[in-house]
PDB file of N, CA and C in Angstrom:
ATOM      1  N   MET A   1      73.687  57.961  -0.108  1.00  0.00           N
ATOM      2  CA  MET A   1      74.866  58.608   0.447  1.00  0.00           C
ATOM      3  C   MET A   1      75.535  57.612   1.400  1.00  0.00           C
ATOM      4  N   ASN A   2      76.824  57.409   1.221  1.00  0.00           N
ATOM      5  CA  ASN A   2      77.525  56.468   2.105  1.00  0.00           C
ATOM      6  C   ASN A   2      78.059  57.187   3.345  1.00  0.00           C
ATOM      7  N   ALA A   3      78.660  56.421   4.236  1.00  0.00           N
ATOM      8  CA  ALA A   3      79.107  56.963   5.527  1.00  0.00           C
ATOM      9  C   ALA A   3      80.198  58.015   5.363  1.00  0.00           C
ATOM     10  N   VAL A   4      81.122  57.794   4.438  1.00  0.00           N
ATOM     11  CA  VAL A   4      82.223  58.749   4.242  1.00  0.00           C
ATOM     12  C   VAL A   4      81.684  60.090   3.759  1.00  0.00           C
ATOM     13  N   GLU A   5      80.753  60.060   2.817  1.00  0.00           N
ATOM     14  CA  GLU A   5      80.156  61.305   2.329  1.00  0.00           C
ATOM     15  C   GLU A   5      79.393  62.020   3.439  1.00  0.00           C
ATOM     16  N   SER A   6      78.727  61.252   4.258  1.00  0.00           N
ATOM     17  CA  SER A   6      77.967  61.831   5.362  1.00  0.00           C
ATOM     18  C   SER A   6      78.888  62.518   6.370  1.00  0.00           C
ATOM     19  N   ILE A   7      79.976  61.856   6.741  1.00  0.00           N
ATOM     20  CA  ILE A   7      80.945  62.438   7.681  1.00  0.00           C
ATOM     21  C   ILE A   7      81.615  63.656   7.064  1.00  0.00           C
ATOM     22  N   THR A   8      81.961  63.559   5.783  1.00  0.00           N
ATOM     23  CA  THR A   8      82.592  64.689   5.089  1.00  0.00           C
ATOM     24  C   THR A   8      81.670  65.901   5.086  1.00  0.00           C
ATOM     25  N   ARG A   9      80.407  65.682   4.803  1.00  0.00           N
ATOM     26  CA  ARG A   9      79.443  66.790   4.792  1.00  0.00           C
ATOM     27  C   ARG A   9      79.287  67.382   6.191  1.00  0.00           C
ATOM     28  N   TYR A  10      79.217  66.514   7.204  1.00  0.00           N
ATOM     29  CA  TYR A  10      79.066  66.985   8.585  1.00  0.00           C
ATOM     30  C   TYR A  10      80.259  67.848   8.996  1.00  0.00           C
ATOM     31  N   ILE A  11      81.478  67.393   8.703  1.00  0.00           N
ATOM     32  CA  ILE A  11      82.681  68.152   9.067  1.00  0.00           C
ATOM     33  C   ILE A  11      82.742  69.458   8.282  1.00  0.00           C
ATOM     34  N   SER A  12      82.353  69.430   7.007  1.00  0.00           N
ATOM     35  CA  SER A  12      82.356  70.656   6.194  1.00  0.00           C
ATOM     36  C   SER A  12      81.406  71.704   6.749  1.00  0.00           C
ATOM     37  N   ASP A  13      80.291  71.246   7.296  1.00  0.00           N
ATOM     38  CA  ASP A  13      79.279  72.179   7.799  1.00  0.00           C
ATOM     39  C   ASP A  13      79.624  72.782   9.159  1.00  0.00           C
ATOM     40  N   LEU A  14      80.613  72.231   9.844  1.00  0.00           N
ATOM     41  CA  LEU A  14      81.015  72.797  11.134  1.00  0.00           C
ATOM     42  C   LEU A  14      81.656  74.166  10.917  1.00  0.00           C
ATOM     43  N   PRO A  15      81.285  75.161  11.700  1.00  0.00           N
ATOM     44  CA  PRO A  15      81.912  76.481  11.557  1.00  0.00           C
ATOM     45  C   PRO A  15      83.383  76.438  11.999  1.00  0.00           C
ATOM     46  N   TRP A  16      84.233  77.132  11.246  1.00  0.00           N
ATOM     47  CA  TRP A  16      85.660  77.180  11.593  1.00  0.00           C
ATOM     48  C   TRP A  16      85.858  77.700  13.010  1.00  0.00           C
ATOM     49  N   SER A  17      85.087  78.715  13.383  1.00  0.00           N
ATOM     50  CA  SER A  17      85.261  79.312  14.712  1.00  0.00           C
ATOM     51  C   SER A  17      85.023  78.291  15.820  1.00  0.00           C
ATOM     52  N   MET A  18      84.015  77.437  15.646  1.00  0.00           N
ATOM     53  CA  MET A  18      83.729  76.435  16.665  1.00  0.00           C
ATOM     54  C   MET A  18      84.843  75.382  16.729  1.00  0.00           C
ATOM     55  N   VAL A  19      85.322  74.943  15.582  1.00  0.00           N
ATOM     56  CA  VAL A  19      86.383  73.931  15.550  1.00  0.00           C
ATOM     57  C   VAL A  19      87.646  74.477  16.211  1.00  0.00           C
ATOM     58  N   ILE A  20      88.009  75.707  15.893  1.00  0.00           N
ATOM     59  CA  ILE A  20      89.210  76.311  16.480  1.00  0.00           C
ATOM     60  C   ILE A  20      89.031  76.523  17.980  1.00  0.00           C
ATOM     61  N   LEU A  21      87.862  76.977  18.400  1.00  0.00           N
ATOM     62  CA  LEU A  21      87.597  77.176  19.825  1.00  0.00           C
ATOM     63  C   LEU A  21      87.710  75.861  20.599  1.00  0.00           C
ATOM     64  N   VAL A  22      87.157  74.789  20.062  1.00  0.00           N
ATOM     65  CA  VAL A  22      87.238  73.486  20.733  1.00  0.00           C
ATOM     66  C   VAL A  22      88.689  73.006  20.782  1.00  0.00           C
ATOM     67  N   CYS A  23      89.455  73.242  19.730  1.00  0.00           N
ATOM     68  CA  CYS A  23      90.875  72.862  19.735  1.00  0.00           C
ATOM     69  C   CYS A  23      91.642  73.621  20.810  1.00  0.00           C
ATOM     70  N   LEU A  24      91.357  74.901  20.944  1.00  0.00           N
ATOM     71  CA  LEU A  24      92.086  75.716  21.914  1.00  0.00           C
ATOM     72  C   LEU A  24      91.659  75.463  23.352  1.00  0.00           C
ATOM     73  N   THR A  25      90.448  74.966  23.553  1.00  0.00           N
ATOM     74  CA  THR A  25      89.999  74.697  24.922  1.00  0.00           C
ATOM     75  C   THR A  25      90.184  73.228  25.277  1.00  0.00           C
ATOM     76  N   LEU A  26      89.393  72.356  24.701  1.00  0.00           N
ATOM     77  CA  LEU A  26      89.484  70.927  25.021  1.00  0.00           C
ATOM     78  C   LEU A  26      90.787  70.317  24.506  1.00  0.00           C
ATOM     79  N   GLY A  27      91.226  70.746  23.344  1.00  0.00           N
ATOM     80  CA  GLY A  27      92.434  70.183  22.753  1.00  0.00           C
ATOM     81  C   GLY A  27      93.704  70.508  23.510  1.00  0.00           C
ATOM     82  N   LEU A  28      93.724  71.627  24.210  1.00  0.00           N
ATOM     83  CA  LEU A  28      94.928  72.023  24.950  1.00  0.00           C
ATOM     84  C   LEU A  28      94.780  71.916  26.461  1.00  0.00           C
ATOM     85  N   ALA A  29      93.586  71.604  26.951  1.00  0.00           N
ATOM     86  CA  ALA A  29      93.371  71.542  28.405  1.00  0.00           C
ATOM     87  C   ALA A  29      94.092  70.353  29.009  1.00  0.00           C
ATOM     88  N   PRO A  30      94.548  70.394  30.217  1.00  0.00           N
ATOM     89  CA  PRO A  30      94.906  71.594  30.964  1.00  0.00           C
ATOM     90  C   PRO A  30      96.067  72.296  30.274  1.00  0.00           C
ATOM     91  N   PHE A  31      96.215  73.560  30.504  1.00  0.00           N
ATOM     92  CA  PHE A  31      97.109  74.364  29.681  1.00  0.00           C
ATOM     93  C   PHE A  31      98.579  74.263  30.043  1.00  0.00           C
ATOM     94  N   SER A  32      98.900  73.747  31.197  1.00  0.00           N
ATOM     95  CA  SER A  32     100.317  73.686  31.579  1.00  0.00           C
ATOM     96  C   SER A  32     100.643  72.356  32.239  1.00  0.00           C
ATOM     97  N   PRO A  33     101.244  71.418  31.595  1.00  0.00           N
ATOM     98  CA  PRO A  33     101.418  71.264  30.143  1.00  0.00           C
ATOM     99  C   PRO A  33     100.143  70.690  29.524  1.00  0.00           C
ATOM    100  N   PRO A  34      99.926  70.926  28.239  1.00  0.00           N
ATOM    101  CA  PRO A  34      98.736  70.370  27.587  1.00  0.00           C
ATOM    102  C   PRO A  34      98.751  68.838  27.620  1.00  0.00           C
ATOM    103  N   HIS A  35      97.605  68.242  27.920  1.00  0.00           N
ATOM    104  CA  HIS A  35      97.502  66.776  27.970  1.00  0.00           C
ATOM    105  C   HIS A  35      97.892  66.146  26.639  1.00  0.00           C
ATOM    106  N   ILE A  36      97.508  66.783  25.544  1.00  0.00           N
ATOM    107  CA  ILE A  36      97.796  66.190  24.235  1.00  0.00           C
ATOM    108  C   ILE A  36      99.300  66.057  24.034  1.00  0.00           C
ATOM    109  N   TRP A  37     100.055  67.061  24.457  1.00  0.00           N
ATOM    110  CA  TRP A  37     101.511  67.014  24.322  1.00  0.00           C
ATOM    111  C   TRP A  37     102.096  65.902  25.192  1.00  0.00           C
ATOM    112  N   GLU A  38     101.622  65.828  26.421  1.00  0.00           N
ATOM    113  CA  GLU A  38     102.084  64.791  27.348  1.00  0.00           C
ATOM    114  C   GLU A  38     101.755  63.394  26.813  1.00  0.00           C
ATOM    115  N   LYS A  39     100.545  63.208  26.297  1.00  0.00           N
ATOM    116  CA  LYS A  39     100.132  61.890  25.798  1.00  0.00           C
ATOM    117  C   LYS A  39     100.870  61.524  24.517  1.00  0.00           C
ATOM    118  N   LEU A  40     101.150  62.495  23.659  1.00  0.00           N
ATOM    119  CA  LEU A  40     101.935  62.202  22.453  1.00  0.00           C
ATOM    120  C   LEU A  40     103.360  61.799  22.811  1.00  0.00           C
ATOM    121  N   GLN A  41     103.941  62.462  23.799  1.00  0.00           N
ATOM    122  CA  GLN A  41     105.278  62.070  24.256  1.00  0.00           C
ATOM    123  C   GLN A  41     105.257  60.650  24.806  1.00  0.00           C
ATOM    124  N   MET A  42     104.227  60.321  25.573  1.00  0.00           N
ATOM    125  CA  MET A  42     104.104  58.965  26.105  1.00  0.00           C
ATOM    126  C   MET A  42     103.925  57.950  24.975  1.00  0.00           C
ATOM    127  N   LEU A  43     103.145  58.307  23.958  1.00  0.00           N
ATOM    128  CA  LEU A  43     102.912  57.413  22.830  1.00  0.00           C
ATOM    129  C   LEU A  43     104.216  57.106  22.106  1.00  0.00           C
ATOM    130  N   PHE A  44     105.000  58.142  21.827  1.00  0.00           N
ATOM    131  CA  PHE A  44     106.260  57.941  21.103  1.00  0.00           C
ATOM    132  C   PHE A  44     107.321  57.272  21.956  1.00  0.00           C
ATOM    133  N   ALA A  45     107.220  57.411  23.277  1.00  0.00           N
ATOM    134  CA  ALA A  45     108.167  56.749  24.177  1.00  0.00           C
ATOM    135  C   ALA A  45     107.754  55.307  24.467  1.00  0.00           C
ATOM    136  N   GLY A  46     106.535  54.939  24.085  1.00  0.00           N
ATOM    137  CA  GLY A  46     106.058  53.589  24.327  1.00  0.00           C
ATOM    138  C   GLY A  46     105.538  53.362  25.731  1.00  0.00           C
ATOM    139  N   THR A  47     105.227  54.434  26.443  1.00  0.00           N
ATOM    140  CA  THR A  47     104.750  54.303  27.825  1.00  0.00           C
ATOM    141  C   THR A  47     103.254  54.580  27.964  1.00  0.00           C
ATOM    142  N   LEU A  48     102.557  54.694  26.864  1.00  0.00           N
ATOM    143  CA  LEU A  48     101.111  54.933  26.892  1.00  0.00           C
ATOM    144  C   LEU A  48     100.420  53.571  27.004  1.00  0.00           C
ATOM    145  N   THR A  49     100.234  53.100  28.232  1.00  0.00           N
ATOM    146  CA  THR A  49      99.735  51.740  28.438  1.00  0.00           C
ATOM    147  C   THR A  49      98.397  51.678  29.160  1.00  0.00           C
ATOM    148  N   LYS A  50      98.102  52.625  30.001  1.00  0.00           N
ATOM    149  CA  LYS A  50      96.858  52.587  30.782  1.00  0.00           C
ATOM    150  C   LYS A  50      95.662  52.982  29.909  1.00  0.00           C
ATOM    151  N   PRO A  51      94.516  52.341  30.127  1.00  0.00           N
ATOM    152  CA  PRO A  51      93.318  52.719  29.362  1.00  0.00           C
ATOM    153  C   PRO A  51      92.942  54.194  29.528  1.00  0.00           C
ATOM    154  N   LEU A  52      93.147  54.748  30.713  1.00  0.00           N
ATOM    155  CA  LEU A  52      92.829  56.157  30.931  1.00  0.00           C
ATOM    156  C   LEU A  52      93.718  57.064  30.078  1.00  0.00           C
ATOM    157  N   ASP A  53      94.978  56.683  29.899  1.00  0.00           N
ATOM    158  CA  ASP A  53      95.880  57.465  29.052  1.00  0.00           C
ATOM    159  C   ASP A  53      95.420  57.437  27.596  1.00  0.00           C
ATOM    160  N   TRP A  54      94.968  56.281  27.122  1.00  0.00           N
ATOM    161  CA  TRP A  54      94.452  56.179  25.753  1.00  0.00           C
ATOM    162  C   TRP A  54      93.187  57.022  25.597  1.00  0.00           C
ATOM    163  N   PHE A  55      92.325  57.001  26.613  1.00  0.00           N
ATOM    164  CA  PHE A  55      91.115  57.821  26.581  1.00  0.00           C
ATOM    165  C   PHE A  55      91.476  59.303  26.523  1.00  0.00           C
ATOM    166  N   ASP A  56      92.449  59.718  27.336  1.00  0.00           N
ATOM    167  CA  ASP A  56      92.904  61.118  27.319  1.00  0.00           C
ATOM    168  C   ASP A  56      93.444  61.502  25.947  1.00  0.00           C
ATOM    169  N   LEU A  57      94.227  60.622  25.346  1.00  0.00           N
ATOM    170  CA  LEU A  57      94.772  60.895  24.014  1.00  0.00           C
ATOM    171  C   LEU A  57      93.639  61.067  23.009  1.00  0.00           C
ATOM    172  N   LEU A  58      92.657  60.190  23.067  1.00  0.00           N
ATOM    173  CA  LEU A  58      91.513  60.282  22.162  1.00  0.00           C
ATOM    174  C   LEU A  58      90.705  61.552  22.419  1.00  0.00           C
ATOM    175  N   LEU A  59      90.428  61.838  23.681  1.00  0.00           N
ATOM    176  CA  LEU A  59      89.614  63.001  24.037  1.00  0.00           C
ATOM    177  C   LEU A  59      90.287  64.314  23.628  1.00  0.00           C
ATOM    178  N   HIS A  60      91.558  64.454  23.933  1.00  0.00           N
ATOM    179  CA  HIS A  60      92.256  65.708  23.645  1.00  0.00           C
ATOM    180  C   HIS A  60      92.781  65.768  22.212  1.00  0.00           C
ATOM    181  N   GLY A  61      92.845  64.632  21.542  1.00  0.00           N
ATOM    182  CA  GLY A  61      93.311  64.610  20.159  1.00  0.00           C
ATOM    183  C   GLY A  61      92.199  64.751  19.135  1.00  0.00           C
ATOM    184  N   ALA A  62      90.984  64.386  19.502  1.00  0.00           N
ATOM    185  CA  ALA A  62      89.859  64.423  18.563  1.00  0.00           C
ATOM    186  C   ALA A  62      89.623  65.806  17.947  1.00  0.00           C
ATOM    187  N   PRO A  63      89.664  66.894  18.725  1.00  0.00           N
ATOM    188  CA  PRO A  63      89.453  68.205  18.094  1.00  0.00           C
ATOM    189  C   PRO A  63      90.509  68.528  17.036  1.00  0.00           C
ATOM    190  N   TRP A  64      91.745  68.110  17.272  1.00  0.00           N
ATOM    191  CA  TRP A  64      92.812  68.373  16.313  1.00  0.00           C
ATOM    192  C   TRP A  64      92.621  67.547  15.047  1.00  0.00           C
ATOM    193  N   ILE A  65      92.132  66.325  15.192  1.00  0.00           N
ATOM    194  CA  ILE A  65      91.857  65.486  14.023  1.00  0.00           C
ATOM    195  C   ILE A  65      90.737  66.107  13.193  1.00  0.00           C
ATOM    196  N   VAL A  66      89.699  66.601  13.860  1.00  0.00           N
ATOM    197  CA  VAL A  66      88.598  67.261  13.146  1.00  0.00           C
ATOM    198  C   VAL A  66      89.110  68.509  12.431  1.00  0.00           C
ATOM    199  N   LEU A  67      89.974  69.284  13.079  1.00  0.00           N
ATOM    200  CA  LEU A  67      90.540  70.487  12.454  1.00  0.00           C
ATOM    201  C   LEU A  67      91.337  70.129  11.198  1.00  0.00           C
ATOM    202  N   ILE A  68      92.160  69.104  11.287  1.00  0.00           N
ATOM    203  CA  ILE A  68      92.959  68.677  10.129  1.00  0.00           C
ATOM    204  C   ILE A  68      92.050  68.177   9.010  1.00  0.00           C
ATOM    205  N   LEU A  69      91.052  67.368   9.352  1.00  0.00           N
ATOM    206  CA  LEU A  69      90.119  66.871   8.338  1.00  0.00           C
ATOM    207  C   LEU A  69      89.359  68.016   7.676  1.00  0.00           C
ATOM    208  N   LYS A  70      88.932  68.990   8.466  1.00  0.00           N
ATOM    209  CA  LYS A  70      88.209  70.138   7.905  1.00  0.00           C
ATOM    210  C   LYS A  70      89.102  70.921   6.948  1.00  0.00           C
ATOM    211  N   ALA A  71      90.368  71.094   7.306  1.00  0.00           N
ATOM    212  CA  ALA A  71      91.307  71.805   6.431  1.00  0.00           C
ATOM    213  C   ALA A  71      91.523  71.041   5.127  1.00  0.00           C
ATOM    214  N   VAL A  72      91.672  69.731   5.215  1.00  0.00           N
ATOM    215  CA  VAL A  72      91.876  68.912   4.012  1.00  0.00           C
ATOM    216  C   VAL A  72      90.635  68.947   3.124  1.00  0.00           C
ATOM    217  N   ILE A  73      89.466  68.820   3.721  1.00  0.00           N
ATOM    218  CA  ILE A  73      88.216  68.863   2.949  1.00  0.00           C
ATOM    219  C   ILE A  73      88.050  70.224   2.283  1.00  0.00           C
ATOM    220  N   SER A  74      88.346  71.293   3.012  1.00  0.00           N
ATOM    221  CA  SER A  74      88.233  72.645   2.443  1.00  0.00           C
ATOM    222  C   SER A  74      89.224  72.849   1.308  1.00  0.00           C
ATOM    223  N   ALA A  75      90.445  72.354   1.484  1.00  0.00           N
ATOM    224  CA  ALA A  75      91.457  72.488   0.431  1.00  0.00           C
ATOM    225  C   ALA A  75      91.063  71.687  -0.806  1.00  0.00           C
ATOM    226  N   ALA A  76      90.468  70.529  -0.609  1.00  0.00           N
ATOM    227  CA  ALA A  76      90.040  69.706  -1.742  1.00  0.00           C
ATOM    228  C   ALA A  76      88.900  70.367  -2.510  1.00  0.00           C
ATOM    229  N   LYS A  77      88.026  71.082  -1.805  1.00  0.00           N
ATOM    230  CA  LYS A  77      86.921  71.773  -2.469  1.00  0.00           C
ATOM    231  C   LYS A  77      87.426  72.941  -3.307  1.00  0.00           C
ATOM    232  N   ILE A  78      88.496  73.598  -2.843  1.00  0.00           N
ATOM    233  CA  ILE A  78      89.051  74.750  -3.559  1.00  0.00           C
ATOM    234  C   ILE A  78      89.725  74.305  -4.848  1.00  0.00           C
ATOM    235  N   SER A  79      90.403  73.165  -4.793  1.00  0.00           N
ATOM    236  CA  SER A  79      91.143  72.668  -5.968  1.00  0.00           C
ATOM    237  C   SER A  79      90.228  72.243  -7.082  1.00  0.00           C
TER     238      SER A  79
END
C-alpha cells in the first residue's frame, strides 16, 4: 500500500460528524471574524508574510482541506 492509498483510507475512515465539528470549531475560531477568512484575504492581497500568519492559515485551513478531501473521496466511491 502506498502513501496516497494510506492517506485516502485514513480520511475515508474519519466520521463525518467529527470532521464537521472540527471545521466548525477550529476551522472558524475565533468566530468574529474567523481567522481563516482573515488569512485568506491577506493571502489574496499579498500581505500574508509573517511565519505566524502562514501557521494560522495552515492551522485553520487544515480542517477544511480534510472536509473537501473526504467529500471528493466519498463522491468517487459512489461513482
